[in-house]
N, C-alpha and C. Protein backbone atom coordinates (compact mmCIF):
# COMPACT_ATOMS: atom_id res chain seq x y z
N MET A 1 95.46 114.63 110.03
CA MET A 1 96.47 115.59 109.66
C MET A 1 97.33 115.00 108.54
N SER A 2 97.60 115.79 107.55
CA SER A 2 98.44 115.35 106.44
C SER A 2 99.90 115.61 106.77
N TYR A 3 100.76 115.05 105.97
CA TYR A 3 102.20 115.21 106.16
C TYR A 3 102.85 115.69 104.89
N ILE A 4 103.87 116.49 105.05
CA ILE A 4 104.71 116.88 103.93
C ILE A 4 105.88 115.91 103.93
N THR A 5 106.22 115.43 102.77
CA THR A 5 107.28 114.42 102.70
C THR A 5 108.65 115.09 102.66
N GLU A 6 109.63 114.35 103.10
CA GLU A 6 111.00 114.85 103.05
C GLU A 6 111.42 115.11 101.61
N SER A 7 110.94 114.30 100.67
CA SER A 7 111.33 114.51 99.27
C SER A 7 110.74 115.81 98.72
N GLN A 8 109.54 116.19 99.16
CA GLN A 8 108.98 117.48 98.75
C GLN A 8 109.89 118.62 99.19
N LEU A 9 110.38 118.55 100.41
CA LEU A 9 111.22 119.61 100.94
C LEU A 9 112.64 119.59 100.37
N SER A 10 113.13 118.41 100.02
CA SER A 10 114.52 118.32 99.55
C SER A 10 114.75 119.12 98.28
N ASN A 11 113.71 119.35 97.50
CA ASN A 11 113.85 120.18 96.30
C ASN A 11 114.33 121.58 96.64
N TYR A 12 113.96 122.09 97.81
CA TYR A 12 114.37 123.43 98.21
C TYR A 12 115.83 123.46 98.63
N ARG A 13 116.30 122.39 99.26
CA ARG A 13 117.70 122.33 99.70
C ARG A 13 118.64 122.39 98.51
N ILE A 14 118.25 121.77 97.42
CA ILE A 14 119.08 121.75 96.23
C ILE A 14 119.33 123.17 95.73
N ARG A 15 118.39 124.06 95.97
CA ARG A 15 118.51 125.44 95.50
C ARG A 15 119.45 126.29 96.35
N THR A 16 119.74 125.85 97.57
CA THR A 16 120.63 126.62 98.44
C THR A 16 122.00 125.98 98.46
N LYS A 17 123.03 126.78 98.61
CA LYS A 17 124.40 126.26 98.58
C LYS A 17 124.73 125.48 99.84
N THR A 18 124.67 126.13 100.97
CA THR A 18 124.99 125.46 102.23
C THR A 18 124.08 125.99 103.31
N PHE A 19 123.98 125.24 104.36
CA PHE A 19 123.21 125.67 105.52
C PHE A 19 124.17 126.29 106.51
N SER A 20 124.05 127.58 106.72
CA SER A 20 124.98 128.27 107.60
C SER A 20 124.26 129.40 108.30
N ALA A 21 124.99 130.08 109.17
CA ALA A 21 124.43 131.22 109.89
C ALA A 21 124.00 132.32 108.94
N ASP A 22 124.51 132.33 107.72
CA ASP A 22 124.10 133.33 106.73
C ASP A 22 122.63 133.17 106.35
N ASN A 23 122.09 131.96 106.47
CA ASN A 23 120.70 131.70 106.13
C ASN A 23 119.75 132.06 107.27
N ILE A 24 120.31 132.34 108.44
CA ILE A 24 119.53 132.53 109.65
C ILE A 24 119.67 133.96 110.14
N VAL A 25 118.58 134.51 110.66
CA VAL A 25 118.62 135.85 111.23
C VAL A 25 118.67 135.72 112.74
N ASN A 26 119.56 136.47 113.34
CA ASN A 26 119.69 136.48 114.79
C ASN A 26 118.70 137.48 115.36
N LEU A 27 117.84 137.04 116.22
CA LEU A 27 116.84 137.94 116.79
C LEU A 27 117.46 139.03 117.65
N ASN A 28 118.71 138.85 118.08
CA ASN A 28 119.39 139.92 118.82
C ASN A 28 119.65 141.12 117.92
N GLU A 29 119.72 140.86 116.64
CA GLU A 29 119.97 141.93 115.68
C GLU A 29 118.69 142.41 115.05
N SER A 30 117.58 142.28 115.74
CA SER A 30 116.28 142.60 115.17
C SER A 30 116.18 144.07 114.77
N TYR A 31 116.95 144.94 115.40
CA TYR A 31 116.91 146.35 115.04
C TYR A 31 117.47 146.60 113.65
N SER A 32 118.37 145.74 113.18
CA SER A 32 119.00 145.96 111.89
C SER A 32 118.43 145.07 110.78
N ARG A 33 117.56 144.16 111.11
CA ARG A 33 117.03 143.27 110.09
C ARG A 33 115.90 143.95 109.30
N ASP A 34 115.60 143.41 108.16
CA ASP A 34 114.53 143.91 107.30
C ASP A 34 113.19 143.62 107.96
N LYS A 35 112.54 144.64 108.50
CA LYS A 35 111.29 144.46 109.24
C LYS A 35 110.10 144.14 108.32
N THR A 36 110.29 144.26 107.01
CA THR A 36 109.20 143.91 106.11
C THR A 36 109.07 142.39 105.98
N LYS A 37 110.10 141.66 106.38
CA LYS A 37 110.05 140.20 106.35
C LYS A 37 109.65 139.69 107.73
N PRO A 38 108.61 138.88 107.80
CA PRO A 38 108.25 138.29 109.09
C PRO A 38 109.37 137.39 109.62
N MET A 39 109.47 137.32 110.94
CA MET A 39 110.47 136.49 111.61
C MET A 39 109.80 135.22 112.13
N ILE A 40 110.35 134.09 111.75
CA ILE A 40 109.82 132.79 112.15
C ILE A 40 110.73 132.17 113.20
N PHE A 41 110.17 131.80 114.35
CA PHE A 41 110.91 130.98 115.32
C PHE A 41 110.67 129.54 114.91
N LEU A 42 111.75 128.83 114.61
CA LEU A 42 111.64 127.46 114.13
C LEU A 42 112.00 126.50 115.26
N SER A 43 111.01 125.80 115.78
CA SER A 43 111.23 124.79 116.80
C SER A 43 111.46 123.46 116.08
N HIS A 44 112.50 122.73 116.48
CA HIS A 44 112.89 121.54 115.75
C HIS A 44 113.77 120.65 116.62
N LYS A 45 113.94 119.44 116.18
CA LYS A 45 114.86 118.50 116.83
C LYS A 45 116.25 118.77 116.29
N HIS A 46 117.20 119.04 117.16
CA HIS A 46 118.52 119.50 116.75
C HIS A 46 119.30 118.54 115.88
N ASN A 47 119.09 117.26 116.02
CA ASN A 47 119.92 116.31 115.24
C ASN A 47 119.34 116.01 113.85
N GLU A 48 118.30 116.70 113.45
CA GLU A 48 117.69 116.46 112.14
C GLU A 48 118.15 117.55 111.15
N HIS A 49 119.45 117.57 110.89
CA HIS A 49 120.05 118.64 110.09
C HIS A 49 119.54 118.73 108.67
N SER A 50 119.40 117.60 107.98
CA SER A 50 118.96 117.68 106.58
C SER A 50 117.53 118.18 106.49
N ILE A 51 116.67 117.72 107.39
CA ILE A 51 115.29 118.21 107.40
C ILE A 51 115.28 119.70 107.72
N LEU A 52 116.08 120.11 108.69
CA LEU A 52 116.14 121.52 109.07
C LEU A 52 116.62 122.36 107.89
N GLN A 53 117.64 121.90 107.19
CA GLN A 53 118.14 122.63 106.03
C GLN A 53 117.04 122.77 104.98
N ASP A 54 116.29 121.70 104.74
CA ASP A 54 115.19 121.75 103.78
C ASP A 54 114.12 122.74 104.21
N VAL A 55 113.75 122.71 105.47
CA VAL A 55 112.70 123.59 105.98
C VAL A 55 113.13 125.05 105.90
N VAL A 56 114.36 125.34 106.29
CA VAL A 56 114.85 126.73 106.21
C VAL A 56 114.83 127.21 104.76
N ALA A 57 115.31 126.37 103.83
CA ALA A 57 115.29 126.75 102.42
C ALA A 57 113.87 126.97 101.93
N PHE A 58 112.96 126.10 102.33
CA PHE A 58 111.55 126.21 101.97
C PHE A 58 110.96 127.53 102.48
N LEU A 59 111.20 127.85 103.74
CA LEU A 59 110.65 129.09 104.33
C LEU A 59 111.31 130.33 103.74
N LYS A 60 112.60 130.29 103.53
CA LYS A 60 113.28 131.43 102.92
C LYS A 60 112.71 131.68 101.52
N ASN A 61 112.38 130.61 100.80
CA ASN A 61 111.77 130.73 99.48
C ASN A 61 110.40 131.43 99.57
N GLU A 62 109.76 131.34 100.72
CA GLU A 62 108.46 131.98 100.93
C GLU A 62 108.61 133.44 101.36
N GLY A 63 109.85 133.92 101.50
CA GLY A 63 110.09 135.34 101.76
C GLY A 63 110.10 135.75 103.22
N VAL A 64 110.50 134.85 104.11
CA VAL A 64 110.56 135.18 105.54
C VAL A 64 111.96 134.98 106.08
N ASP A 65 112.23 135.54 107.23
CA ASP A 65 113.47 135.29 107.96
C ASP A 65 113.22 134.19 108.97
N VAL A 66 114.24 133.41 109.24
CA VAL A 66 114.11 132.24 110.11
C VAL A 66 115.13 132.34 111.24
N TYR A 67 114.67 132.03 112.45
CA TYR A 67 115.54 131.99 113.62
C TYR A 67 115.71 130.53 114.04
N VAL A 68 116.97 130.10 114.16
CA VAL A 68 117.32 128.76 114.64
C VAL A 68 118.21 128.94 115.86
N ASP A 69 117.77 128.46 116.99
CA ASP A 69 118.44 128.76 118.27
C ASP A 69 119.91 128.35 118.33
N TRP A 70 120.27 127.17 117.86
CA TRP A 70 121.65 126.72 118.01
C TRP A 70 122.61 127.43 117.07
N MET A 71 122.09 128.25 116.17
CA MET A 71 122.96 129.05 115.31
C MET A 71 123.09 130.48 115.84
N ASP A 72 122.50 130.73 116.99
CA ASP A 72 122.56 132.04 117.64
C ASP A 72 123.75 132.04 118.59
N GLU A 73 124.73 132.88 118.30
CA GLU A 73 125.96 132.92 119.11
C GLU A 73 125.71 133.39 120.54
N SER A 74 124.58 134.04 120.79
CA SER A 74 124.29 134.52 122.14
C SER A 74 123.75 133.41 123.06
N MET A 75 123.43 132.27 122.49
CA MET A 75 122.90 131.16 123.29
C MET A 75 124.05 130.46 124.02
N PRO A 76 123.77 129.97 125.24
CA PRO A 76 124.80 129.22 125.98
C PRO A 76 125.25 127.98 125.20
N ALA A 77 126.49 127.59 125.41
CA ALA A 77 127.04 126.42 124.73
C ALA A 77 126.33 125.13 125.15
N TYR A 78 125.88 125.08 126.40
CA TYR A 78 125.16 123.92 126.91
C TYR A 78 123.82 124.37 127.45
N THR A 79 122.79 123.54 127.24
CA THR A 79 121.46 123.93 127.69
C THR A 79 121.41 124.03 129.21
N ASN A 80 120.77 125.09 129.66
CA ASN A 80 120.61 125.35 131.09
C ASN A 80 119.44 126.33 131.26
N ALA A 81 119.28 126.87 132.45
CA ALA A 81 118.17 127.80 132.72
C ALA A 81 118.28 129.06 131.86
N GLU A 82 119.50 129.52 131.62
CA GLU A 82 119.68 130.71 130.76
C GLU A 82 119.17 130.42 129.35
N THR A 83 119.40 129.20 128.85
CA THR A 83 118.90 128.80 127.54
C THR A 83 117.38 128.93 127.52
N ALA A 84 116.74 128.43 128.56
CA ALA A 84 115.28 128.49 128.62
C ALA A 84 114.78 129.93 128.62
N HIS A 85 115.41 130.80 129.38
CA HIS A 85 115.01 132.21 129.41
C HIS A 85 115.17 132.85 128.03
N LYS A 86 116.29 132.59 127.39
CA LYS A 86 116.55 133.18 126.07
C LYS A 86 115.57 132.66 125.03
N LEU A 87 115.28 131.37 125.06
CA LEU A 87 114.32 130.81 124.12
C LEU A 87 112.94 131.45 124.30
N LYS A 88 112.56 131.64 125.54
CA LYS A 88 111.28 132.27 125.83
C LYS A 88 111.22 133.67 125.22
N GLU A 89 112.28 134.43 125.38
CA GLU A 89 112.34 135.79 124.80
C GLU A 89 112.27 135.73 123.28
N LYS A 90 113.00 134.80 122.67
CA LYS A 90 113.03 134.70 121.22
C LYS A 90 111.65 134.36 120.66
N ILE A 91 110.94 133.46 121.33
CA ILE A 91 109.60 133.10 120.88
C ILE A 91 108.67 134.30 120.98
N GLU A 92 108.78 135.07 122.06
CA GLU A 92 107.91 136.23 122.25
C GLU A 92 108.13 137.30 121.20
N VAL A 93 109.39 137.55 120.78
CA VAL A 93 109.65 138.63 119.83
C VAL A 93 109.49 138.20 118.37
N SER A 94 109.43 136.91 118.11
CA SER A 94 109.23 136.46 116.73
C SER A 94 107.79 136.76 116.30
N ASP A 95 107.58 136.83 114.98
CA ASP A 95 106.23 137.08 114.46
C ASP A 95 105.40 135.81 114.40
N LYS A 96 106.06 134.70 114.09
CA LYS A 96 105.37 133.42 113.92
C LYS A 96 106.19 132.32 114.59
N PHE A 97 105.50 131.22 114.92
CA PHE A 97 106.13 130.05 115.53
C PHE A 97 105.76 128.84 114.68
N ILE A 98 106.78 128.11 114.24
CA ILE A 98 106.54 126.88 113.49
C ILE A 98 107.30 125.74 114.16
N LEU A 99 106.58 124.68 114.47
CA LEU A 99 107.21 123.45 114.98
C LEU A 99 107.39 122.50 113.81
N VAL A 100 108.63 122.13 113.53
CA VAL A 100 108.92 121.11 112.53
C VAL A 100 108.55 119.78 113.20
N ALA A 101 107.35 119.33 112.94
CA ALA A 101 106.75 118.22 113.69
C ALA A 101 107.11 116.87 113.08
N THR A 102 108.34 116.45 113.35
CA THR A 102 108.77 115.10 113.01
C THR A 102 108.46 114.20 114.21
N PRO A 103 108.43 112.89 114.04
CA PRO A 103 108.21 112.03 115.19
C PRO A 103 109.22 112.27 116.32
N ASP A 104 110.50 112.50 115.98
CA ASP A 104 111.50 112.75 117.02
C ASP A 104 111.25 114.08 117.73
N ALA A 105 110.84 115.09 116.98
CA ALA A 105 110.56 116.39 117.60
C ALA A 105 109.36 116.29 118.55
N ILE A 106 108.36 115.53 118.15
CA ILE A 106 107.17 115.36 119.00
C ILE A 106 107.53 114.68 120.31
N ASN A 107 108.55 113.84 120.29
CA ASN A 107 108.99 113.15 121.50
C ASN A 107 110.04 113.92 122.29
N SER A 108 110.45 115.08 121.79
CA SER A 108 111.47 115.88 122.45
C SER A 108 110.87 116.74 123.56
N LYS A 109 111.48 116.70 124.74
CA LYS A 109 111.00 117.54 125.85
C LYS A 109 111.14 119.01 125.50
N TRP A 110 112.26 119.39 124.86
CA TRP A 110 112.47 120.79 124.52
C TRP A 110 111.46 121.28 123.50
N CYS A 111 111.21 120.48 122.46
CA CYS A 111 110.24 120.90 121.45
C CYS A 111 108.84 121.05 122.05
N ASN A 112 108.46 120.14 122.91
CA ASN A 112 107.15 120.25 123.56
C ASN A 112 107.09 121.47 124.46
N TRP A 113 108.18 121.75 125.15
CA TRP A 113 108.23 122.95 126.01
C TRP A 113 108.11 124.21 125.14
N GLU A 114 108.86 124.25 124.03
CA GLU A 114 108.77 125.39 123.12
C GLU A 114 107.37 125.53 122.53
N LEU A 115 106.75 124.41 122.19
CA LEU A 115 105.37 124.45 121.68
C LEU A 115 104.43 125.06 122.71
N GLY A 116 104.62 124.70 123.97
CA GLY A 116 103.81 125.31 125.03
C GLY A 116 104.00 126.81 125.11
N LEU A 117 105.25 127.26 124.97
CA LEU A 117 105.52 128.70 124.97
C LEU A 117 104.92 129.36 123.73
N GLY A 118 105.08 128.70 122.59
CA GLY A 118 104.50 129.22 121.36
C GLY A 118 102.99 129.31 121.45
N ASP A 119 102.39 128.30 122.09
CA ASP A 119 100.94 128.30 122.30
C ASP A 119 100.52 129.54 123.10
N ALA A 120 101.24 129.81 124.16
CA ALA A 120 100.90 130.95 125.02
C ALA A 120 101.13 132.28 124.32
N ALA A 121 102.18 132.36 123.52
CA ALA A 121 102.54 133.63 122.90
C ALA A 121 101.91 133.86 121.53
N LYS A 122 101.57 132.80 120.80
CA LYS A 122 101.18 132.95 119.39
C LYS A 122 99.84 132.32 119.01
N TYR A 123 99.24 131.55 119.89
CA TYR A 123 98.04 130.79 119.55
C TYR A 123 96.90 131.74 119.22
N ILE A 124 96.15 131.51 118.28
CA ILE A 124 96.03 130.51 117.25
C ILE A 124 96.44 131.08 115.90
N LYS A 125 96.54 132.39 115.80
CA LYS A 125 96.81 133.03 114.51
C LYS A 125 98.26 132.92 114.05
N ASN A 126 99.20 132.78 114.96
CA ASN A 126 100.61 132.88 114.59
C ASN A 126 101.43 131.65 114.95
N ILE A 127 100.78 130.51 115.03
CA ILE A 127 101.47 129.26 115.34
C ILE A 127 100.98 128.19 114.36
N THR A 128 101.90 127.36 113.92
CA THR A 128 101.51 126.24 113.07
C THR A 128 102.51 125.11 113.20
N LEU A 129 102.08 123.94 112.82
CA LEU A 129 102.95 122.77 112.77
C LEU A 129 103.33 122.53 111.31
N LEU A 130 104.52 122.03 111.10
CA LEU A 130 104.93 121.56 109.78
C LEU A 130 105.18 120.06 109.94
N PRO A 131 104.10 119.26 109.77
CA PRO A 131 104.24 117.82 109.99
C PRO A 131 105.02 117.14 108.87
N ILE A 132 106.10 116.48 109.26
CA ILE A 132 106.96 115.77 108.31
C ILE A 132 107.12 114.35 108.83
N ASN A 133 106.87 113.41 107.95
CA ASN A 133 106.92 112.02 108.38
C ASN A 133 107.34 111.16 107.21
N ARG A 134 108.26 110.26 107.44
CA ARG A 134 108.72 109.36 106.38
C ARG A 134 107.71 108.26 106.09
N LYS A 135 106.96 107.84 107.09
CA LYS A 135 106.11 106.66 106.95
C LYS A 135 104.62 106.97 107.02
N TYR A 136 104.26 108.25 107.00
CA TYR A 136 102.85 108.66 107.07
C TYR A 136 102.14 108.08 108.28
N GLU A 137 102.84 108.03 109.40
CA GLU A 137 102.26 107.53 110.63
C GLU A 137 101.54 108.66 111.35
N ASN A 138 100.60 108.29 112.21
CA ASN A 138 99.98 109.28 113.08
C ASN A 138 100.91 109.55 114.25
N PHE A 139 100.74 110.71 114.87
CA PHE A 139 101.52 111.04 116.06
C PHE A 139 100.83 110.41 117.26
N LYS A 140 101.04 109.13 117.44
CA LYS A 140 100.41 108.43 118.56
C LYS A 140 100.95 108.98 119.88
N GLY A 141 100.05 109.21 120.82
CA GLY A 141 100.44 109.74 122.11
C GLY A 141 100.57 111.25 122.12
N ALA A 142 100.33 111.87 120.98
CA ALA A 142 100.41 113.33 120.89
C ALA A 142 99.16 113.87 120.20
N GLU A 143 98.02 113.33 120.60
CA GLU A 143 96.76 113.71 119.98
C GLU A 143 96.43 115.20 120.16
N TYR A 144 97.01 115.82 121.17
CA TYR A 144 96.79 117.25 121.40
C TYR A 144 97.25 118.10 120.22
N LEU A 145 98.12 117.55 119.37
CA LEU A 145 98.58 118.30 118.21
C LEU A 145 97.46 118.60 117.22
N ALA A 146 96.39 117.82 117.30
CA ALA A 146 95.26 118.01 116.38
C ALA A 146 94.56 119.35 116.56
N ILE A 147 94.81 120.06 117.65
CA ILE A 147 94.17 121.37 117.85
C ILE A 147 94.90 122.48 117.13
N TYR A 148 96.12 122.22 116.67
CA TYR A 148 96.95 123.27 116.09
C TYR A 148 96.78 123.39 114.58
N PRO A 149 96.90 124.60 114.06
CA PRO A 149 97.00 124.77 112.62
C PRO A 149 98.22 123.99 112.12
N TYR A 150 98.17 123.58 110.86
CA TYR A 150 99.30 122.84 110.29
C TYR A 150 99.45 123.20 108.81
N ILE A 151 100.68 123.05 108.32
CA ILE A 151 100.99 123.32 106.93
C ILE A 151 100.77 122.04 106.13
N ASP A 152 100.09 122.18 105.01
CA ASP A 152 99.79 121.02 104.17
C ASP A 152 99.88 121.45 102.70
N PHE A 153 100.09 120.47 101.84
CA PHE A 153 100.16 120.72 100.41
C PHE A 153 98.87 120.25 99.75
N GLU A 154 98.29 121.10 98.93
CA GLU A 154 97.12 120.73 98.13
C GLU A 154 97.57 120.54 96.69
N ASP A 155 97.19 119.43 96.09
CA ASP A 155 97.66 119.14 94.73
C ASP A 155 96.72 119.66 93.64
N GLY A 156 95.64 120.33 94.02
CA GLY A 156 94.71 120.89 93.04
C GLY A 156 93.53 120.01 92.72
N SER A 157 93.45 118.85 93.36
CA SER A 157 92.34 117.92 93.07
C SER A 157 91.18 118.03 94.05
N GLU A 158 91.38 118.69 95.18
CA GLU A 158 90.33 118.84 96.19
C GLU A 158 89.52 120.11 95.92
N LYS A 159 88.29 120.13 96.47
CA LYS A 159 87.40 121.28 96.25
C LYS A 159 87.05 121.97 97.56
N TYR A 160 86.80 123.28 97.45
CA TYR A 160 86.21 124.03 98.55
C TYR A 160 84.75 123.60 98.69
N ASN A 161 84.09 124.01 99.78
CA ASN A 161 82.68 123.68 99.98
C ASN A 161 81.79 124.19 98.85
N ASN A 162 82.20 125.29 98.20
CA ASN A 162 81.38 125.85 97.11
C ASN A 162 81.58 125.13 95.78
N GLY A 163 82.43 124.09 95.75
CA GLY A 163 82.63 123.29 94.55
C GLY A 163 83.79 123.70 93.67
N THR A 164 84.43 124.84 93.94
CA THR A 164 85.59 125.24 93.14
C THR A 164 86.83 124.51 93.66
N TYR A 165 87.76 124.29 92.75
CA TYR A 165 88.98 123.58 93.11
C TYR A 165 89.92 124.46 93.93
N ILE A 166 90.55 123.85 94.91
CA ILE A 166 91.57 124.52 95.72
C ILE A 166 92.83 124.57 94.87
N PRO A 167 93.38 125.76 94.62
CA PRO A 167 94.60 125.84 93.81
C PRO A 167 95.76 125.05 94.43
N ARG A 168 96.59 124.51 93.57
CA ARG A 168 97.77 123.76 93.99
C ARG A 168 98.68 124.67 94.80
N GLY A 169 99.19 124.17 95.92
CA GLY A 169 100.12 124.94 96.72
C GLY A 169 100.07 124.56 98.18
N TYR A 170 100.86 125.27 98.97
CA TYR A 170 100.93 125.04 100.41
C TYR A 170 99.94 125.94 101.13
N TYR A 171 99.31 125.38 102.17
CA TYR A 171 98.29 126.09 102.94
C TYR A 171 98.51 125.86 104.43
N VAL A 172 98.07 126.82 105.23
CA VAL A 172 97.94 126.61 106.67
C VAL A 172 96.49 126.25 106.89
N LYS A 173 96.28 125.08 107.48
CA LYS A 173 94.93 124.58 107.73
C LYS A 173 94.67 124.66 109.23
N THR A 174 93.64 125.41 109.58
CA THR A 174 93.27 125.55 110.99
C THR A 174 92.04 124.72 111.26
N PRO A 175 92.14 123.74 112.18
CA PRO A 175 90.99 122.90 112.48
C PRO A 175 89.84 123.73 113.06
N ILE A 176 88.64 123.45 112.57
CA ILE A 176 87.42 124.03 113.14
C ILE A 176 86.46 122.88 113.39
N LYS A 177 85.21 123.16 113.60
CA LYS A 177 84.24 122.11 113.97
C LYS A 177 84.05 121.04 112.90
N ASN A 178 83.61 119.87 113.35
CA ASN A 178 83.18 118.76 112.48
C ASN A 178 84.23 118.36 111.44
N ASN A 179 85.46 118.23 111.85
CA ASN A 179 86.55 117.84 110.96
C ASN A 179 86.75 118.77 109.77
N MET A 180 86.28 119.99 109.90
CA MET A 180 86.47 121.00 108.86
C MET A 180 87.74 121.78 109.19
N VAL A 181 88.33 122.38 108.15
CA VAL A 181 89.51 123.22 108.34
C VAL A 181 89.33 124.53 107.59
N ASN A 182 89.92 125.58 108.11
CA ASN A 182 90.00 126.85 107.42
C ASN A 182 91.33 126.88 106.69
N LEU A 183 91.32 127.18 105.40
CA LEU A 183 92.54 127.20 104.59
C LEU A 183 92.99 128.64 104.34
N VAL A 184 94.28 128.87 104.57
CA VAL A 184 94.91 130.14 104.22
C VAL A 184 96.18 129.80 103.46
N PRO A 185 96.39 130.39 102.28
CA PRO A 185 97.65 130.11 101.58
C PRO A 185 98.84 130.41 102.49
N LEU A 186 99.83 129.54 102.47
CA LEU A 186 100.98 129.68 103.36
C LEU A 186 101.63 131.04 103.22
N LYS A 187 101.86 131.49 102.00
CA LYS A 187 102.53 132.77 101.79
C LYS A 187 101.74 133.90 102.46
N GLN A 188 100.41 133.85 102.35
CA GLN A 188 99.56 134.87 103.00
C GLN A 188 99.67 134.77 104.52
N TRP A 189 99.64 133.56 105.07
CA TRP A 189 99.74 133.36 106.51
C TRP A 189 101.07 133.88 107.03
N LEU A 190 102.14 133.60 106.31
CA LEU A 190 103.46 134.04 106.73
C LEU A 190 103.59 135.56 106.76
N GLN A 191 102.91 136.23 105.84
CA GLN A 191 103.04 137.68 105.73
C GLN A 191 102.10 138.44 106.65
N THR A 192 101.10 137.76 107.22
CA THR A 192 100.12 138.41 108.09
C THR A 192 100.66 138.48 109.50
N LYS A 193 100.71 139.68 110.05
CA LYS A 193 101.22 139.83 111.43
C LYS A 193 100.09 139.98 112.39
């Protein structure tokens, strides 16, 4: 599995002024939101604010709405059973599920629980990982992540099986047999319901 670097994402943060509730859509207001934009449930480690800001800016640039649980005023102030019920509902009503797969998120009980819910509600067409790693390490102890589609950047130097070059850009890569992957441009994947 490849990784997207924090520096790749930081370019998107520079384009946004601040990270606030204005950048996030509340799924409780789904009746009033622009239904032409897909809704992304973003699973992430809460203390990784700069990465989260970069990811939200990156996804907003791709033309989607993003839901971040701790910016939802309807969520309880402290995690409890009500939090779990609400998160489950939010995952079910979202169009897509993306886990910001940092090493800390992979080790988070909540992120793994959300991934399990996303797996049940969205697998395989509407779930993906966004692997981000500072040191290009493997996710040791989390080999099960290899079954999930993931977002990756192609620089234009790789070829399809037919010999044509893969255009430069972001793709969702879905693992298939024999270490092969199916590539779908990220923008297309995000817009497909």
